[in-house]
Protein backbone atom coordinates (compact mmCIF):
# COMPACT_ATOMS: atom_id res chain seq x y z
CA MET A 1 83.78 42.34 -28.29
CA ARG A 2 81.72 39.49 -27.91
CA LEU A 3 79.21 40.23 -25.24
CA LEU A 4 77.61 37.54 -23.07
CA PRO A 5 73.37 37.79 -23.24
CA HIS A 6 72.14 38.79 -20.02
CA SER A 7 70.04 36.42 -17.93
CA SER A 8 66.83 36.74 -16.08
CA LEU A 9 65.13 35.17 -13.03
CA ARG A 10 61.55 34.19 -12.76
CA PHE A 11 59.79 33.20 -10.22
CA ALA A 12 56.40 31.60 -10.05
CA ALA A 13 53.68 31.99 -7.44
CA THR A 14 51.96 29.08 -5.67
CA SER A 15 48.65 29.82 -3.73
CA ASN A 16 49.75 26.31 -1.82
CA ILE A 17 51.78 26.38 1.33
CA LEU A 18 55.80 26.23 -0.10
CA ARG A 19 57.00 23.04 -0.55
CA ARG A 20 60.25 21.94 1.06
CA ARG A 21 62.74 22.44 -1.84
CA TYR A 22 60.69 24.90 -3.75
CA TRP A 23 61.40 26.78 -0.23
CA ARG A 24 65.02 25.73 -0.53
CA ASP A 25 65.67 26.84 -4.17
CA PHE A 26 63.36 29.85 -3.79
CA LEU A 27 65.34 31.22 -0.51
CA ALA A 28 68.99 30.74 -1.83
CA CYS A 29 68.18 32.53 -4.96
CA CYS A 30 66.81 35.36 -3.59
CA LEU A 31 69.71 35.49 -1.32
CA ILE A 32 71.93 35.67 -3.89
CA LEU A 33 70.39 38.40 -6.17
CA CYS A 34 70.42 40.45 -2.85
CA SER A 35 74.11 39.70 -1.94
CA ALA A 36 74.36 41.63 -4.84
CA SER A 37 75.05 45.23 -3.53
CA ALA A 38 77.23 43.84 -1.11
CA ALA A 39 79.93 42.89 -4.43
CA ALA A 40 83.28 44.01 -4.88
CA ASP A 41 84.95 44.21 -8.19
CA VAL A 42 87.61 45.75 -10.32
CA ILE A 43 88.01 46.47 -14.19
CA VAL A 44 91.28 47.52 -15.20
CA LEU A 45 91.59 49.47 -18.61
CA ALA A 46 94.85 49.87 -20.29
CA ASN A 47 95.61 52.75 -22.98
CA ARG A 48 97.24 52.03 -26.26
CA THR A 49 96.12 54.79 -28.89
CA GLY A 50 99.33 56.77 -28.65
CA ARG A 51 97.50 60.01 -27.33
CA ALA A 52 95.80 61.00 -23.94
CA LEU A 53 92.28 59.44 -23.83
CA PRO A 54 88.72 60.86 -22.36
CA VAL A 55 86.33 57.74 -21.77
CA ARG A 56 82.80 57.95 -20.15
CA PHE A 57 83.12 55.02 -17.16
CA ALA A 58 79.17 54.32 -16.65
CA PRO A 59 79.23 51.34 -13.65
CA LEU A 60 75.60 49.35 -13.47
CA SER A 61 75.52 50.44 -10.14
CA GLY A 62 76.76 53.60 -9.32
CA ALA A 63 77.66 57.37 -10.89
CA PRO A 64 79.28 57.85 -14.34
CA GLN A 65 82.35 59.46 -14.29
CA MET A 66 84.92 60.73 -16.62
CA LEU A 67 88.57 59.53 -16.73
CA THR A 68 91.02 60.79 -18.92
CA LEU A 69 93.96 57.97 -19.62
CA ALA A 70 97.63 59.11 -20.29
CA VAL A 71 99.32 57.74 -23.13
CA GLY A 72 100.71 54.26 -21.93
CA GLU A 73 98.79 54.18 -18.94
CA ASN A 74 97.29 51.61 -16.64
CA VAL A 75 94.07 51.64 -14.24
CA PRO A 76 92.72 49.71 -11.84
CA ILE A 77 88.83 50.99 -11.21
CA TYR A 78 86.69 50.02 -8.54
CA LEU A 79 82.88 49.34 -8.98
CA ASP A 80 80.28 46.53 -8.20
CA GLY A 81 79.51 44.68 -11.10
CA LYS A 82 79.95 45.54 -14.90
CA ALA A 83 80.00 48.67 -16.43
CA ASN A 84 79.35 50.37 -19.63
CA ILE A 85 81.92 53.18 -21.71
CA SER A 86 81.79 55.54 -24.03
CA VAL A 87 84.65 56.93 -25.84
CA SER A 88 84.35 59.28 -29.12
CA SER A 89 86.77 58.48 -31.85
CA PRO A 90 86.45 60.27 -35.16
CA GLY A 91 83.14 59.78 -37.47
CA ALA A 92 81.87 57.86 -34.32
CA THR A 93 81.22 57.10 -30.32
CA MET A 94 82.28 53.68 -29.62
CA ASN A 95 79.89 52.25 -26.52
CA ARG A 96 80.92 48.71 -24.99
CA SER A 97 79.54 46.74 -21.79
CA LEU A 98 82.43 45.37 -19.73
CA ASP A 99 82.37 42.22 -17.63
CA ALA A 100 83.71 42.57 -13.98
CA ASN A 101 87.21 41.62 -13.02
CA CYS A 102 88.63 41.11 -16.66
CA ALA A 103 91.39 44.10 -18.48
CA TYR A 104 91.06 45.58 -21.12
CA PHE A 105 93.01 47.95 -23.55
CA PHE A 106 92.08 50.83 -25.71
CA ALA A 107 93.45 50.59 -29.17
CA ARG A 108 93.12 52.64 -32.42
CA ASP A 109 91.82 50.67 -35.71
CA ASN A 110 93.65 51.00 -39.59
CA LYS A 111 91.57 53.84 -40.01
CA GLY A 112 91.92 55.92 -36.70
CA ARG A 113 88.81 54.68 -34.89
CA ILE A 114 89.24 53.66 -31.44
CA ASP A 115 87.86 49.96 -30.05
CA VAL A 116 88.71 48.20 -26.72
CA GLN A 117 89.53 44.32 -26.43
CA LYS A 118 89.28 42.38 -23.43
CA ILE A 119 92.53 40.83 -22.61
CA GLY A 120 91.79 37.09 -22.65
CA LEU A 121 92.48 35.95 -19.13
CA GLY A 122 90.99 32.34 -19.48
CA GLU A 123 87.00 33.70 -18.45
CA ASP A 124 85.08 31.13 -17.75
CA GLY A 125 82.15 33.31 -16.30
CA THR A 126 83.70 33.35 -13.00
CA LEU A 127 83.12 36.42 -11.07
CA MET A 128 82.62 38.61 -14.50
CA ASN A 129 79.13 39.51 -13.31
CA GLY A 130 80.53 40.77 -9.86
CA HIS A 131 81.19 38.86 -6.52
CA SER A 132 80.53 39.43 -2.66
CA LEU A 133 83.50 39.57 -0.39
CA PRO A 134 83.26 39.36 3.87
CA GLY A 135 83.96 42.28 6.07
CA THR A 136 83.00 45.96 4.84
CA ALA A 137 85.33 47.65 2.77
CA SER A 138 84.18 51.33 3.59
CA ARG A 139 85.37 50.21 7.07
CA ALA A 140 88.76 49.67 5.63
CA PRO A 141 89.28 51.98 2.67
CA ILE A 142 92.79 51.36 2.99
CA ALA A 143 94.33 48.42 4.03
CA ILE A 144 97.75 48.87 5.84
CA VAL A 145 100.88 45.93 6.06
CA THR A 146 103.29 47.12 8.57
CA VAL A 147 106.78 46.71 7.78
CA LYS A 148 110.28 46.16 9.65
CA ILE A 149 113.24 47.06 7.65
CA LEU A 150 116.48 45.63 8.70
CA VAL A 151 120.03 45.93 7.44
CA ASP A 152 122.85 43.81 8.24
CA GLU A 153 126.23 44.55 9.64
CA GLU A 154 127.63 45.23 6.38
CA GLU A 155 125.80 48.10 6.07
CA PRO A 156 128.44 50.79 6.61
CA GLY A 157 126.05 54.10 7.33
CA ARG A 158 125.00 55.15 10.88
CA GLN A 159 121.28 54.31 11.70
CA PRO A 160 120.20 57.72 11.61
CA VAL A 161 121.36 58.08 7.82
CA TRP A 162 120.02 54.32 6.84
CA GLU A 163 117.28 54.28 8.50
CA HIS A 164 115.87 57.37 6.86
CA ARG A 165 117.12 56.63 3.49
CA LEU A 166 115.51 53.18 3.73
CA ARG A 167 112.50 54.57 4.91
CA ARG A 168 111.78 57.01 2.22
CA ARG A 169 112.38 54.50 -0.61
CA VAL A 170 109.65 52.41 0.98
CA GLU A 171 106.92 55.68 1.52
CA ALA A 172 108.13 56.19 -2.40
CA ALA A 173 106.97 52.36 -3.06
CA SER A 174 104.04 52.85 -0.70
CA ALA A 175 102.63 55.60 -2.83
CA ILE A 176 102.29 53.60 -5.81
CA PHE A 177 100.50 50.89 -4.30
CA GLU A 178 98.08 53.45 -2.19
CA LYS A 179 97.22 55.59 -5.44
CA TYR A 180 96.27 52.24 -7.85
CA PHE A 181 95.86 49.12 -4.87
CA ARG A 182 94.28 50.66 -1.92
CA THR A 183 97.06 49.65 0.00
CA LYS A 184 99.67 51.07 2.23
CA LEU A 185 103.15 50.31 3.82
CA GLU A 186 103.59 51.10 7.20
CA VAL A 187 107.13 50.99 8.91
CA ILE A 188 106.46 50.11 12.41
CA ALA A 189 109.73 49.07 13.24
CA VAL A 190 114.08 49.00 12.28
CA GLY A 191 116.78 46.18 13.28
CA THR A 192 119.29 44.83 12.05
CA TRP A 193 120.64 41.03 11.53
CA ASN A 194 124.01 39.47 11.36
CA SER A 195 124.49 37.86 8.00
CA ASP A 196 127.08 34.71 6.98
CA ASN A 197 129.72 36.45 5.11
CA SER A 198 130.28 32.69 3.76
CA THR A 199 126.94 32.43 1.45
CA SER A 200 127.70 33.59 -1.71
CA ASP A 201 124.10 32.18 -2.86
CA PHE A 202 121.35 34.58 -3.29
CA ILE A 203 119.12 32.11 -2.27
CA ALA A 204 120.70 30.84 0.83
CA SER A 205 120.70 34.46 1.95
CA LEU A 206 117.37 34.64 1.57
CA ASP A 207 116.95 31.53 4.00
CA GLU A 208 119.22 32.79 6.55
CA PHE A 209 117.08 36.08 6.55
CA GLU A 210 113.96 34.20 7.15
CA ARG A 211 115.51 32.23 9.92
CA GLU A 212 117.38 34.78 11.73
CA VAL A 213 114.60 37.76 11.42
CA ASN A 214 111.28 37.63 13.19
CA PRO A 215 108.45 40.49 11.40
CA ALA A 216 107.02 40.60 14.88
CA PRO A 217 105.72 42.91 15.58
CA ALA A 218 105.22 44.05 11.12
CA LYS A 219 103.67 42.16 9.22
CA LEU A 220 106.43 42.29 6.20
CA ALA A 221 110.19 41.92 7.01
CA ILE A 222 112.12 44.01 4.22
CA GLY A 223 115.49 43.47 4.46
CA PHE A 224 118.66 45.52 2.79
CA THR A 225 121.98 43.06 2.75
CA SER A 226 125.57 45.04 1.96
CA GLN A 227 127.04 41.42 1.52
CA TRP A 228 128.16 41.66 -1.91
CA GLN A 229 128.00 44.77 -4.30
CA MET A 230 125.36 44.91 -6.51
CA THR A 231 126.49 43.42 -10.06
CA ARG A 232 125.03 44.32 -13.91
CA GLY A 233 123.50 41.30 -15.13
CA ARG A 234 121.29 38.59 -14.97
CA THR A 235 121.35 37.72 -10.68
CA HIS A 236 119.35 38.40 -7.80
CA MET A 237 119.04 42.14 -6.74
CA ALA A 238 115.68 41.30 -4.17
CA GLY A 239 113.74 38.16 -3.55
CA THR A 240 110.90 36.92 -2.06
CA ARG A 241 109.05 33.33 -1.87
CA GLY A 242 105.49 34.82 -3.52
CA PRO A 243 102.63 36.47 -2.67
CA LEU A 244 102.00 37.21 0.62
CA HIS A 245 105.35 35.99 2.03
CA SER A 246 106.83 37.18 5.17
CA HIS A 247 109.83 38.26 3.92
CA ILE A 248 111.75 40.28 1.25
CA LEU A 249 114.89 40.79 1.07
CA ALA A 250 117.22 42.91 -1.00
CA ARG A 251 120.62 43.76 -2.44
CA GLU A 252 121.69 47.28 -1.66
CA GLY A 253 125.86 47.39 -2.14
CA SER A 254 127.02 49.69 -5.04
CA PRO A 255 126.55 53.13 -5.56
CA GLU A 256 126.63 52.12 -9.53
CA ILE A 257 123.00 50.96 -8.80
CA SER A 258 121.29 54.58 -8.72
CA GLU A 259 118.08 55.04 -6.03
CA ALA A 260 115.59 55.26 -8.78
CA GLU A 261 116.77 51.50 -10.10
CA LYS A 262 117.07 50.35 -6.18
CA LEU A 263 113.22 51.98 -5.70
CA GLU A 264 112.38 49.79 -8.46
CA PHE A 265 113.93 46.64 -7.25
CA LEU A 266 111.56 47.39 -4.16
CA ILE A 267 108.53 47.57 -6.16
CA HIS A 268 109.03 44.59 -8.26
CA GLU A 269 109.26 42.21 -5.19
CA LEU A 270 106.21 44.44 -3.28
CA GLY A 271 104.56 43.34 -6.29
CA HIS A 272 104.95 39.71 -5.73
CA TYR A 273 103.97 40.14 -1.95
CA PHE A 274 100.72 41.91 -3.44
CA GLY A 275 99.91 39.02 -6.07
CA ALA A 276 101.99 39.98 -9.29
CA ALA A 277 103.48 37.42 -11.41
CA HIS A 278 106.33 38.35 -13.84
CA SER A 279 104.96 39.62 -16.82
CA PRO A 280 106.39 39.74 -20.30
CA GLU A 281 105.13 43.59 -21.34
CA ARG A 282 108.80 45.80 -21.24
CA ASP A 283 107.25 48.56 -19.84
CA SER A 284 106.35 47.06 -16.78
CA VAL A 285 108.06 46.98 -13.21
CA MET A 286 107.21 42.93 -13.02
CA ARG A 287 109.46 42.31 -16.66
CA PRO A 288 112.08 39.68 -15.34
CA VAL A 289 114.90 40.96 -15.87
CA LEU A 290 115.42 44.77 -14.19
CA GLY A 291 118.74 46.95 -13.71
CA ASP A 292 119.08 47.81 -17.32
CA ASN A 293 119.15 52.01 -16.63
CA ARG A 294 115.55 52.46 -17.52
CA ALA A 295 114.57 53.58 -14.46
CA GLY A 296 116.54 56.08 -13.87
CA SER A 297 116.15 57.91 -17.65
CA ALA A 298 114.38 60.95 -17.96
CA GLY A 299 110.29 60.64 -18.33
CA TYR A 300 110.51 56.57 -17.40
CA LYS A 301 107.59 55.83 -14.81
CA ILE A 302 107.32 52.61 -12.74
CA GLN A 303 103.93 51.38 -13.73
CA PHE A 304 102.23 47.62 -13.64
CA ASP A 305 101.22 45.83 -16.97
CA PRO A 306 97.18 45.43 -16.58
CA VAL A 307 96.88 41.78 -16.11
CA ASN A 308 99.31 42.11 -13.08
CA MET A 309 97.32 44.71 -12.22
CA LEU A 310 93.77 43.08 -12.26
CA ALA A 311 95.70 40.20 -9.92
CA MET A 312 96.73 42.40 -7.81
CA ALA A 313 93.58 44.80 -7.47
CA ILE A 314 91.51 41.35 -7.10
CA ILE A 315 93.92 40.66 -4.09
CA SER A 316 94.28 43.71 -2.30
CA ASP A 317 90.05 44.59 -2.41
CA GLU A 318 89.97 41.54 -0.30
CA MET A 319 92.99 42.41 1.91
CA ARG A 320 91.06 45.49 2.49
CA ARG A 321 88.35 43.40 4.46
CA ARG A 322 90.20 40.92 6.90
CA ASN A 323 93.35 39.96 7.67
CA LEU A 324 94.83 37.56 4.73
CA THR A 325 97.89 35.33 5.80
CA GLN A 326 98.15 33.46 2.75
CA LEU A 327 96.63 33.00 -0.58
CA SER A 328 94.76 29.95 0.63
CA GLU A 329 92.27 32.21 2.56
CA LEU A 330 90.72 33.86 -0.04
CA ALA A 331 87.24 33.29 -1.17
CA PRO A 332 87.32 30.38 -3.45
CA GLU A 333 85.50 32.47 -6.51
CA THR A 334 88.32 34.89 -5.81
CA ARG A 335 91.15 31.97 -5.95
CA ARG A 336 89.68 30.56 -9.13
CA ARG A 337 89.62 33.54 -11.13
CA LEU A 338 93.47 34.64 -10.00
CA GLY A 339 94.18 30.63 -11.49
CA GLN A 340 93.22 31.57 -14.61
CA ILE A 341 95.14 35.05 -14.96
CA TYR A 342 98.08 33.26 -13.14
CA MET A 343 98.02 30.22 -15.76
CA GLU A 344 97.33 33.11 -18.89
CA LEU A 345 100.38 35.08 -17.59
CA ALA A 346 102.43 31.21 -17.10
CA ARG A 347 101.32 30.91 -21.44
CA SER A 348 103.46 33.93 -22.24
CA LEU A 349 106.43 33.34 -20.53
CA PRO A 350 106.64 29.80 -20.75
CA ASP A 351 110.52 29.48 -19.17
CA ASP A 352 109.34 31.14 -15.99
CA ALA A 353 107.85 29.78 -13.22
CA ALA A 354 106.74 32.32 -10.96
CA ALA A 355 103.05 32.35 -12.66
CA LEU A 356 102.71 28.71 -12.70
CA GLY A 357 103.27 28.58 -9.29
CA TYR A 358 101.21 30.73 -8.48
CA ALA A 359 98.70 29.34 -10.21
CA GLN A 360 99.02 26.19 -8.58
CA ARG A 361 99.30 27.96 -5.03
CA VAL A 362 95.16 29.07 -5.72
CA ARG A 363 94.33 26.51 -6.72
CA SER A 364 95.39 24.08 -4.26
CA GLU A 365 93.15 24.09 -1.23
CA SER A 366 89.57 24.52 -2.91
CA SER A 367 89.87 21.28 -5.06
CA THR A 368 91.85 18.95 -2.41
CA PRO A 369 89.58 15.98 -1.60
CA LEU A 370 89.25 17.13 1.82
CA ALA A 371 87.87 20.21 1.04
CA ILE A 372 84.88 18.86 -1.69
CA ALA A 373 83.94 15.94 1.12
CA THR A 374 83.35 18.87 3.59
CA ARG A 375 81.07 21.16 1.13
CA SER A 376 79.36 18.00 1.09
CA ILE A 377 78.46 17.83 4.72
CA VAL A 378 77.93 21.83 4.82
CA LYS A 379 75.46 21.73 2.20
CA ALA A 380 73.70 18.88 3.83
CA MET A 381 73.37 20.82 6.72
CA VAL A 382 72.14 24.02 4.89
CA HIS A 383 69.60 21.61 3.23
CA ALA A 384 68.35 20.53 6.55
CA ALA A 385 68.26 23.76 7.83
CA ILE A 386 65.98 24.70 5.35
CA ASP A 387 63.80 21.88 5.73
CA ASN A 388 63.62 22.55 9.13
CA ARG A 389 62.92 26.52 8.53
CA ALA A 390 59.70 25.24 5.87
CA LEU A 391 58.04 23.79 9.48
CA PRO A 392 55.52 25.85 11.39
CA ILE A 393 56.32 27.35 14.90
CA ALA A 394 54.68 25.68 17.63
CA ALA A 395 52.53 27.98 19.44
CA GLY A 396 51.72 27.17 23.04
CA SER A 397 49.83 23.48 23.65
CA ALA A 398 49.42 23.08 20.34
CA SER A 399 49.58 20.15 18.78
CA ILE A 400 51.13 19.93 15.82
CA ALA A 401 52.67 16.74 14.24
CA GLU A 402 55.93 18.40 13.13
CA SER A 403 57.15 21.77 14.20
CA ARG A 404 60.01 23.36 13.62
CA ARG A 405 63.15 22.61 15.65
CA GLN A 406 64.82 24.94 17.26
CA GLY A 407 67.77 25.35 20.32
CA ASP A 408 69.94 22.40 21.98
CA GLY A 409 66.45 20.14 19.25
CA LEU A 410 67.82 21.70 16.20
CA THR A 411 71.40 21.25 17.00
CA ASN A 412 70.69 17.97 17.24
CA TYR A 413 69.20 17.49 14.08
CA LEU A 414 72.22 19.43 12.10
CA VAL A 415 74.55 17.00 13.46
CA ARG A 416 72.79 13.86 13.06
CA ALA A 417 71.95 15.23 9.27
CA ALA A 418 76.00 16.40 8.93
CA ALA A 419 76.98 12.87 10.18
CA HIS A 420 74.65 11.31 7.87
CA ALA A 421 76.12 13.14 5.26
CA ALA A 422 79.79 12.05 5.75
CA VAL A 423 78.98 7.89 6.65
CA ASP A 424 79.45 7.53 2.93
CA LEU A 425 82.26 9.54 1.97
CA PRO A 426 86.08 7.59 1.25
CA ASP A 427 87.77 6.74 5.03
CA ALA A 428 90.87 8.93 4.07
CA VAL A 429 88.25 12.49 4.86
CA ARG A 430 85.25 11.30 6.24
CA ALA A 431 86.05 11.98 10.41
CA PRO A 432 87.55 15.07 9.83
CA ALA A 433 85.40 16.54 6.86
CA PHE A 434 82.72 15.68 9.25
CA LEU A 435 84.25 17.43 11.85
CA TYR A 436 85.49 20.51 9.67
CA GLY A 437 81.64 20.42 7.90
CA VAL A 438 79.72 20.20 11.66
CA ALA A 439 81.55 23.14 12.90
CA ILE A 440 81.30 25.96 9.59
CA GLY A 441 77.90 24.24 9.48
CA LEU A 442 76.85 25.45 13.01
CA SER A 443 79.03 28.51 12.82
CA ASP A 444 77.74 32.12 12.86
CA ASN A 445 80.98 33.96 13.62
CA GLU A 446 84.08 34.56 11.43
CA PHE A 447 86.15 33.47 14.17
CA LEU A 448 86.91 30.08 12.59
CA ALA A 449 88.27 31.38 9.19
CA LYS A 450 90.90 32.88 11.52
CA LEU A 451 92.57 29.84 12.67
CA PRO A 452 95.74 29.42 11.05
CA ALA A 453 96.23 25.71 11.73
CA ALA A 454 93.09 25.24 9.02
CA GLY A 455 95.09 26.11 6.37
CA GLY A 456 91.77 28.37 4.27
CA ILE A 457 89.70 25.31 4.80
CA VAL A 458 86.77 27.28 5.65
CA SER A 459 87.18 30.00 2.83
CA ALA A 460 87.72 26.81 0.18
CA VAL A 461 84.28 25.16 1.74
CA GLU A 462 81.84 28.29 1.87
CA PRO A 463 82.03 30.98 -0.19
CA PRO A 464 80.89 34.65 1.38
CA SER A 465 77.60 34.34 -1.26
CA GLU A 466 77.11 30.99 0.42
CA ARG A 467 77.58 31.99 4.02
CA MET A 468 75.03 34.53 3.38
CA ILE A 469 72.56 31.92 2.67
CA ARG A 470 73.13 29.17 5.43
CA LEU A 471 73.06 32.46 7.94
CA ALA A 472 69.68 33.41 7.01
CA VAL A 473 68.19 29.93 7.45
CA LEU A 474 70.12 28.46 10.07
CA GLY A 475 68.60 29.64 12.80
CA GLU A 476 69.94 29.10 16.65
CA PRO A 477 71.91 25.89 17.48
CA THR A 478 72.34 25.92 21.23
CA MET A 479 73.96 23.46 23.63
CA ARG A 480 72.82 23.25 27.16
CA GLY A 481 70.31 26.11 25.99
CA ARG A 482 72.99 28.46 25.26
CA ARG A 483 74.12 29.79 22.13
CA ASP A 484 77.82 30.49 23.08
CA LEU A 485 78.44 27.35 24.86
CA ALA A 486 77.45 25.75 21.07
CA GLN A 487 79.98 28.43 19.32
CA HIS A 488 82.76 26.99 22.05
CA PHE A 489 82.45 23.19 21.54
CA PHE A 490 82.56 23.57 17.90
CA ALA A 491 84.87 26.36 17.97
CA THR A 492 87.13 23.83 19.52
CA VAL A 493 85.98 20.70 17.44
CA PHE A 494 87.19 22.21 14.53
CA ALA A 495 90.57 23.49 16.15
CA THR A 496 91.10 19.53 17.42
CA ALA A 497 90.17 18.52 13.93
CA ALA A 498 93.19 21.19 12.82
CA ALA A 499 95.66 21.24 15.26
CA GLY A 500 95.39 18.51 17.44
CA ALA A 501 93.41 17.86 21.17
CA ASP A 502 96.69 19.65 22.67
CA ALA A 503 96.94 23.02 20.86
CA ALA A 504 92.88 22.92 21.22
CA ARG A 505 92.79 22.83 24.52
CA ALA A 506 95.43 24.82 25.01
CA ALA A 507 93.90 27.53 22.64
CA GLY A 508 90.50 27.55 24.27
CA LEU A 509 92.19 28.04 27.74
CA ALA A 510 94.52 31.08 26.29
CA LYS A 511 91.02 32.81 25.31
CA GLU A 512 89.95 32.60 28.66
CA LEU A 513 92.79 33.79 30.28
CA LEU A 514 92.42 36.63 27.52
CA ASP A 515 88.74 37.36 28.55
CA SER A 516 89.41 37.91 31.70
CA GLN A 517 90.78 41.20 31.01
CA ARG A 518 87.24 42.08 29.01
CA ALA A 519 84.54 42.53 30.21
CA SER A 520 83.44 38.81 29.87
CA GLY A 521 85.60 37.81 32.21
CA PHE A 522 86.85 34.51 32.52
CA SER A 523 84.36 31.42 32.08
CA PHE A 524 85.09 27.89 33.65
CA ALA A 525 81.41 26.85 31.76
CA ASP A 526 83.11 28.57 28.09
CA LEU A 527 85.91 26.12 29.30
CA ALA A 528 83.48 22.98 29.64
CA ALA A 529 82.44 23.75 26.21
CA ASP A 530 86.20 24.03 24.39
CA ARG A 531 86.85 20.71 26.66
CA ALA A 532 83.52 18.40 25.79
CA GLY A 533 84.22 19.58 21.84
CA THR A 534 87.73 18.43 22.46
CA ARG A 535 86.82 14.85 23.49
CA PHE A 536 83.80 14.75 20.99
CA ALA A 537 86.73 15.72 18.32
CA SER A 538 88.97 13.03 19.35
CA SER A 539 87.00 10.67 20.05
CA VAL A 540 85.69 10.84 16.02
CA LEU A 541 89.27 10.66 14.98
CA GLU A 542 90.08 7.95 17.43
CA LYS A 543 87.30 5.61 15.54
CA HIS A 544 85.77 5.06 19.38
CA ILE A 545 82.33 6.98 18.18
CA THR A 546 81.00 6.05 15.28
CA LEU A 547 79.55 8.44 12.65
CA GLY A 548 76.72 6.11 11.87
CA ASN A 549 75.49 6.38 15.83
CA ILE A 550 76.15 10.28 15.57
CA GLY A 551 73.98 10.46 12.64
CA LEU A 552 70.98 7.86 15.01
CA THR A 553 71.33 9.07 18.53
CA PHE A 554 73.36 12.64 18.76
CA SER A 555 72.27 14.79 21.77
CA VAL A 556 73.73 17.58 23.46
CA ALA A 557 72.63 15.74 26.18
CA SER A 558 75.41 13.11 25.50
CA PHE A 559 77.96 14.87 24.51
CA MET A 560 77.98 18.48 26.46
CA PRO A 561 77.47 18.76 30.38
CA ASP A 562 75.65 20.26 32.82
CA VAL A 563 77.79 23.79 33.37
CA ALA A 564 75.46 24.43 36.81
CA GLY A 565 77.94 25.78 39.00
CA LEU A 566 81.09 26.28 37.22
CA PRO A 567 82.20 29.87 38.06
CA GLU A 568 81.58 32.35 35.40
CA HIS A 569 82.39 36.05 34.50
CA ILE A 570 85.80 36.01 36.53
CA SER A 571 87.81 39.38 36.30
CA ALA A 572 91.94 39.29 36.07
CA LYS A 573 91.90 40.32 39.75
CA ASP A 574 89.49 37.83 41.23
CA PHE A 575 90.35 34.65 38.66
CA ALA A 576 94.26 35.58 40.47
CA ALA A 577 92.68 35.91 43.60
CA GLN A 578 90.35 32.58 43.60
CA PHE A 579 92.57 30.34 40.99
CA GLY A 580 96.10 31.85 41.43
CA SER A 581 97.29 30.36 37.87
CA GLN A 582 96.93 27.37 35.60
CA SER A 583 99.70 24.99 38.02
CA ASP A 584 97.15 26.23 41.04
CA LEU A 585 95.63 23.07 43.07
CA ARG A 586 92.56 25.48 42.72
CA PHE A 587 92.46 25.99 39.24
CA THR A 588 93.57 22.21 38.30
CA LYS A 589 90.73 21.02 40.94
CA GLN A 590 88.20 22.87 38.99
CA LEU A 591 89.73 21.24 35.44
CA LYS A 592 89.17 17.70 37.25
CA GLU A 593 85.78 18.92 37.58
CA ILE A 594 84.89 19.98 34.46
CA ASP A 595 86.63 16.49 32.68
CA GLU A 596 84.92 14.28 35.35
CA ARG A 597 81.64 16.34 33.83
CA ILE A 598 82.72 15.04 30.86
CA GLN A 599 83.33 11.04 31.47
CA LYS A 600 80.11 10.88 33.11
CA LEU A 601 78.39 11.45 30.25
CA PRO A 602 76.29 9.07 28.50
CA ALA A 603 78.71 9.39 25.56
CA TYR A 604 81.69 8.06 27.32
CA ALA A 605 80.54 6.48 30.98
CA PRO A 606 81.88 2.74 30.60
CA THR A 607 79.12 0.38 30.13
CA LYS A 608 78.28 -1.82 32.41
CA PRO A 609 79.40 -5.70 31.83
CA VAL A 610 77.01 -8.28 30.37
CA PRO A 611 76.84 -11.15 33.14
CA ILE A 612 77.15 -14.05 32.24
CA ARG A 613 74.83 -16.93 33.18
């Protein structure tokens, strides 16, 4: 196994005031080094030696442990960064260094000595030293996937009978995923649906199941149809659309198929849900064709091949930190590594489209022209923020030629920097890239990443390590002296670019109504920021305001109204008493006042015609 040389970073001392460019690079490097403590990685080991194998596994960050790999066993080991291993064999002890987020197998050479080999998966250095993930793994040691199980009207058993049978099957599948991937399936609902007896194609039945069944309140709906008898041979026994898809459909029928085989079918489809593609390995539950009577044989163990195990472990580790709904929401470096893994699986099964399709899905978002353009906007804002941070803080009445911008002045400065960076972008992406970029660049929370309409743009634009750098240098940009108003304004800018003005306004109102039931209460000031953000984004998208002008003259006072006198901290009870409902004249009058304040802003006030002389 070829080992890559270690690299080192050296920082030169300087006795003079740090120049801005040096400060930028220095701070970025320091933060990247510090972020290593938050890494979350996996290494997969496979025992192909023909006998049980004791292994000393020593992470570079963490305590060593002794493992015993059973014959043919594949295991993922979660750690931070790289690791060293030690294995004793006749006449020698083998010591190796292992890269993070890679898979290895142990084998014996012709002299009986044990060696370990990396399984080539298109490595280009991505994640090999480890990577940081959002959130905190210790707060969610197990990722819970809630499940609704359903049967169609052809199910012959009574509900207590079929519900008990299917719950036990899901529990058995869950035990495997919990053991290897720290993910657990939790059945929280059961139900039925009526399948169309005239449908004879499985894919059409899956389409029908998706139309007829809402997974809510669960995340995943698993349907068991008895419309057809299960048959031997090359036919669809179960199916889903791919990783993190909301529906799985399986045939239930025929007593010829044992419960062990039905469990294998379910685990195969759940494997797809958690990111596994088809594998050429005969012993893998992800082999393309099941139903070969192996699952019911003595000593047979359902297991995943090491390559798919690596992909699933990488995905599940990120699932434990945040509520993923689609592959595009994975961190960019995660998607890049998965793309390499899936491409190798696709090469091993050239007639199977699953792995190739997965590779295209994980790579699609981060390489789009819009994502690339938006990254350039955020990068320009980070550079501007670092330049600003290098300036001295104004103290009292002391005269400083150029001091650090803060508050509304900082917002003006960063928005202008974003607009300057956007001016030279291609016309097709210029406006949306500016809006996404300025919203991401001024955000200090994870709200934007949770907006489904954005299609994963946040994770495609800004990996966690870069987000840490940005937040460290951002400062406290405000609007009208308030950080919360800036957050509302730019979150709505983002939502308008992603879903349109009507949807953004509706989302802002829905959030305030929800806040009325919380300690913060309903705020018309927040709503004013929301509606001002929508007006700003719409004006940019419709080219009523040019990015050139924004880059030269943007000011908070021109785009965000004064919120003095707007009611805030209103409880649900007080809201009902004072404003009734959304259709109440008292409420619409308050909205009209907000919109009038926005219309009177310098950016939107109609210009006076030049008199004719």
